[in-house]
Structure formats: C-alpha cells, structure tokens
C-alpha atoms as a PDB file:
ATOM      1  CA  MET A   1     -30.305   4.300   0.883  1.00  0.00           C
ATOM      2  CA  PHE A   2     -33.846   3.092   1.505  1.00  0.00           C
ATOM      3  CA  ASP A   3     -35.597  -0.155   0.831  1.00  0.00           C
ATOM      4  CA  VAL A   4     -38.989  -0.258  -0.860  1.00  0.00           C
ATOM      5  CA  TRP A   5     -40.712  -0.688   2.520  1.00  0.00           C
ATOM      6  CA  ASP A   6     -39.468   2.755   3.632  1.00  0.00           C
ATOM      7  CA  ASN A   7     -36.644   1.527   5.875  1.00  0.00           C
ATOM      8  CA  PHE A   8     -33.681   3.912   5.959  1.00  0.00           C
ATOM      9  CA  TRP A   9     -30.492   1.811   5.764  1.00  0.00           C
ATOM     10  CA  CYS A  10     -27.473   4.033   5.462  1.00  0.00           C
ATOM     11  CA  ALA A  11     -26.080   7.409   4.453  1.00  0.00           C
ATOM     12  CA  ALA A  12     -22.737   8.805   3.386  1.00  0.00           C
ATOM     13  CA  ARG A  13     -20.262   9.958   5.997  1.00  0.00           C
ATOM     14  CA  GLY A  14     -20.775  13.582   6.848  1.00  0.00           C
ATOM     15  CA  PHE A  15     -24.377  13.385   5.699  1.00  0.00           C
ATOM     16  CA  THR A  16     -26.503  16.094   7.274  1.00  0.00           C
ATOM     17  CA  GLU A  17     -29.750  14.250   7.556  1.00  0.00           C
ATOM     18  CA  ALA A  18     -32.906  15.959   6.479  1.00  0.00           C
ATOM     19  CA  PRO A  19     -35.950  14.753   8.358  1.00  0.00           C
ATOM     20  CA  ARG A  20     -36.298  11.089   7.436  1.00  0.00           C
ATOM     21  CA  GLU A  21     -39.923  11.605   6.479  1.00  0.00           C
ATOM     22  CA  ASP A  22     -38.904  14.228   3.905  1.00  0.00           C
ATOM     23  CA  LEU A  23     -36.501  11.792   2.275  1.00  0.00           C
ATOM     24  CA  ALA A  24     -39.104   9.036   2.267  1.00  0.00           C
ATOM     25  CA  ASP A  25     -41.542  11.521   0.718  1.00  0.00           C
ATOM     26  CA  LEU A  26     -38.985  12.218  -2.011  1.00  0.00           C
ATOM     27  CA  VAL A  27     -38.764   8.503  -2.850  1.00  0.00           C
ATOM     28  CA  GLN A  28     -42.560   8.229  -2.852  1.00  0.00           C
ATOM     29  CA  ALA A  29     -42.897  11.317  -5.051  1.00  0.00           C
ATOM     30  CA  ALA A  30     -40.525   9.807  -7.608  1.00  0.00           C
ATOM     31  CA  ALA A  31     -42.421   6.501  -7.603  1.00  0.00           C
ATOM     32  CA  THR A  32     -45.766   8.265  -7.959  1.00  0.00           C
ATOM     33  CA  ARG A  33     -44.484  10.490 -10.758  1.00  0.00           C
ATOM     34  CA  LYS A  34     -43.268   7.417 -12.653  1.00  0.00           C
ATOM     35  CA  GLY A  35     -46.393   5.403 -11.849  1.00  0.00           C
ATOM     36  CA  VAL A  36     -44.500   2.533 -10.243  1.00  0.00           C
ATOM     37  CA  THR A  37     -45.218   0.535  -7.110  1.00  0.00           C
ATOM     38  CA  LEU A  38     -41.852  -0.151  -5.534  1.00  0.00           C
ATOM     39  CA  THR A  39     -43.094  -2.983  -3.311  1.00  0.00           C
ATOM     40  CA  ARG A  40     -44.217  -4.800  -6.457  1.00  0.00           C
ATOM     41  CA  GLY A  41     -40.882  -4.623  -8.234  1.00  0.00           C
ATOM     42  CA  GLY A  42     -41.246  -1.153  -9.734  1.00  0.00           C
ATOM     43  CA  LYS A  43     -38.001   0.381 -10.945  1.00  0.00           C
ATOM     44  CA  LEU A  44     -36.763   3.943 -10.714  1.00  0.00           C
ATOM     45  CA  ASP A  45     -34.012   5.641 -12.687  1.00  0.00           C
ATOM     46  CA  THR A  46     -35.026   9.277 -12.448  1.00  0.00           C
ATOM     47  CA  SER A  47     -34.243  12.739 -11.181  1.00  0.00           C
ATOM     48  CA  LEU A  48     -36.396  15.147  -9.170  1.00  0.00           C
ATOM     49  CA  SER A  49     -36.156  18.772  -8.154  1.00  0.00           C
ATOM     50  CA  GLY A  50     -38.242  20.321  -5.433  1.00  0.00           C
ATOM     51  CA  ARG A  51     -38.318  21.522  -1.850  1.00  0.00           C
ATOM     52  CA  MET A  52     -35.730  18.885  -0.898  1.00  0.00           C
ATOM     53  CA  GLY A  53     -33.354  20.117  -3.573  1.00  0.00           C
ATOM     54  CA  HIS A  54     -32.154  18.091  -6.520  1.00  0.00           C
ATOM     55  CA  ALA A  55     -31.955  14.306  -6.416  1.00  0.00           C
ATOM     56  CA  TYR A  56     -31.266  11.200  -8.466  1.00  0.00           C
ATOM     57  CA  LEU A  57     -33.044   7.976  -7.500  1.00  0.00           C
ATOM     58  CA  ARG A  58     -32.219   4.495  -8.750  1.00  0.00           C
ATOM     59  CA  THR A  59     -33.568   1.139  -7.628  1.00  0.00           C
ATOM     60  CA  TYR A  60     -31.293  -1.867  -7.463  1.00  0.00           C
ATOM     61  CA  GLY A  61     -31.164  -5.341  -5.981  1.00  0.00           C
ATOM     62  CA  SER A  62     -34.956  -5.697  -6.375  1.00  0.00           C
ATOM     63  CA  CYS A  63     -35.759  -3.770  -3.195  1.00  0.00           C
ATOM     64  CA  TYR A  64     -33.312  -0.915  -2.579  1.00  0.00           C
ATOM     65  CA  VAL A  65     -33.473   2.729  -3.607  1.00  0.00           C
ATOM     66  CA  LEU A  66     -30.292   4.749  -3.945  1.00  0.00           C
ATOM     67  CA  LEU A  67     -31.022   8.429  -3.310  1.00  0.00           C
ATOM     68  CA  LEU A  68     -28.338  10.928  -4.274  1.00  0.00           C
ATOM     69  CA  ARG A  69     -29.006  14.529  -3.277  1.00  0.00           C
ATOM     70  CA  PHE A  70     -27.332  17.499  -4.961  1.00  0.00           C
ATOM     71  CA  SER A  71     -27.095  21.096  -3.813  1.00  0.00           C
ATOM     72  CA  GLY A  72     -27.960  22.340  -7.301  1.00  0.00           C
ATOM     73  CA  PRO A  73     -28.689  21.174 -10.827  1.00  0.00           C
ATOM     74  CA  PHE A  74     -26.571  18.234 -11.963  1.00  0.00           C
ATOM     75  CA  ASP A  75     -25.751  16.332 -15.142  1.00  0.00           C
ATOM     76  CA  LEU A  76     -28.184  13.392 -15.179  1.00  0.00           C
ATOM     77  CA  ASN A  77     -26.260  11.435 -17.828  1.00  0.00           C
ATOM     78  CA  LYS A  78     -22.956  11.693 -15.925  1.00  0.00           C
ATOM     79  CA  THR A  79     -24.720  10.725 -12.706  1.00  0.00           C
ATOM     80  CA  ARG A  80     -26.340   7.682 -14.346  1.00  0.00           C
ATOM     81  CA  GLU A  81     -22.970   6.624 -15.745  1.00  0.00           C
ATOM     82  CA  ALA A  82     -21.222   6.993 -12.384  1.00  0.00           C
ATOM     83  CA  VAL A  83     -23.962   5.028 -10.604  1.00  0.00           C
ATOM     84  CA  ARG A  84     -23.929   2.331 -13.282  1.00  0.00           C
ATOM     85  CA  ASP A  85     -20.167   1.940 -12.841  1.00  0.00           C
ATOM     86  CA  ALA A  86     -20.436   1.869  -9.030  1.00  0.00           C
ATOM     87  CA  LEU A  87     -23.463  -0.422  -8.841  1.00  0.00           C
ATOM     88  CA  PRO A  88     -21.613  -3.766  -8.605  1.00  0.00           C
ATOM     89  CA  ARG A  89     -19.633  -2.504  -5.584  1.00  0.00           C
ATOM     90  CA  LEU A  90     -22.739  -0.940  -4.045  1.00  0.00           C
ATOM     91  CA  GLU A  91     -24.680  -4.185  -4.437  1.00  0.00           C
ATOM     92  CA  ALA A  92     -21.832  -6.161  -2.851  1.00  0.00           C
ATOM     93  CA  LEU A  93     -21.716  -3.775   0.127  1.00  0.00           C
ATOM     94  CA  THR A  94     -25.497  -3.893   0.486  1.00  0.00           C
ATOM     95  CA  MET A  95     -25.397  -7.688   0.672  1.00  0.00           C
ATOM     96  CA  ARG A  96     -23.117  -7.335   3.718  1.00  0.00           C
ATOM     97  CA  LEU A  97     -25.684  -5.317   5.667  1.00  0.00           C
ATOM     98  CA  PRO A  98     -27.121  -7.280   8.586  1.00  0.00           C
ATOM     99  CA  PRO A  99     -30.889  -7.618   9.047  1.00  0.00           C
ATOM    100  CA  PRO A 100     -32.278  -4.546  10.871  1.00  0.00           C
ATOM    101  CA  ASP A 101     -33.014  -6.483  14.060  1.00  0.00           C
ATOM    102  CA  GLY A 102     -30.478  -9.275  13.670  1.00  0.00           C
ATOM    103  CA  PRO A 103     -26.943  -9.882  14.877  1.00  0.00           C
ATOM    104  CA  GLY A 104     -24.630  -7.073  13.857  1.00  0.00           C
ATOM    105  CA  ALA A 105     -27.437  -4.563  13.442  1.00  0.00           C
ATOM    106  CA  ASP A 106     -25.161  -1.860  14.860  1.00  0.00           C
ATOM    107  CA  GLY A 107     -23.435  -1.730  11.474  1.00  0.00           C
ATOM    108  CA  ASN A 108     -19.940  -2.816  12.484  1.00  0.00           C
ATOM    109  CA  GLU A 109     -20.163  -6.104  10.594  1.00  0.00           C
ATOM    110  CA  ALA A 110     -21.212  -4.419   7.369  1.00  0.00           C
ATOM    111  CA  ALA A 111     -18.436  -1.843   7.741  1.00  0.00           C
ATOM    112  CA  GLY A 112     -15.889  -4.629   8.206  1.00  0.00           C
ATOM    113  CA  THR A 113     -14.895  -3.383  11.671  1.00  0.00           C
ATOM    114  CA  ALA A 114     -16.309  -6.279  13.699  1.00  0.00           C
END
C-alpha cells in the first residue's frame, strides 16, 4: 500500500519486495494512463500489465493506493468485487497506522501487538 505522496506503508506477509521505485513507477504509470493526479484527489480503479507483471490498483481513503500484484492474468471483475467487500476492513486497519515518524512507527501498534 502506498499513499499518493509515494510513501510505502505496508505489504502482505511473505511479500517478496520488488525494488520500491519499480512499484512506485507502477502506481505513477496507472495514474498517468488514466490522466489523474493522485495528490489532487484523483481516483484509480484499474489494472495494468507490464514489466512488473499484472496488477490491480485502487485508491481509497482519499490518499491511499492499494496495489495488488498477480503472477499472471487475473479476473478484474472478481478482483474488484473482492476489494470492494474487503475495503471497510482495510480502511479500518489503515486508520490504525501510526504517522511515519510518530509514536508507534515501528508498526506494533497498528498490528495490535503493542
């Protein structure tokens, strides 16, 4: 998950991280392709395929970008439906994230382990 200012916030467990810049480039490519400026409230609900593989990107909470990467082609409609159903929980978890330089920035508070 990124925010619209290119801050990388979190990734799934077991995530093998591609170079962060490549992921940020993927978000920027999606925004450019759709003609939106994310820092001005632009919204994404799109898929991309390219050198970084296959991905679904969706903005939420006015400033966050969910980036789901797939190893191959995927069903966009099923992915949209799954994200739509999971979005309330995702938004609630996101609200628990501490500020990047604030108390709890190590992530334990957001994970509920503090």
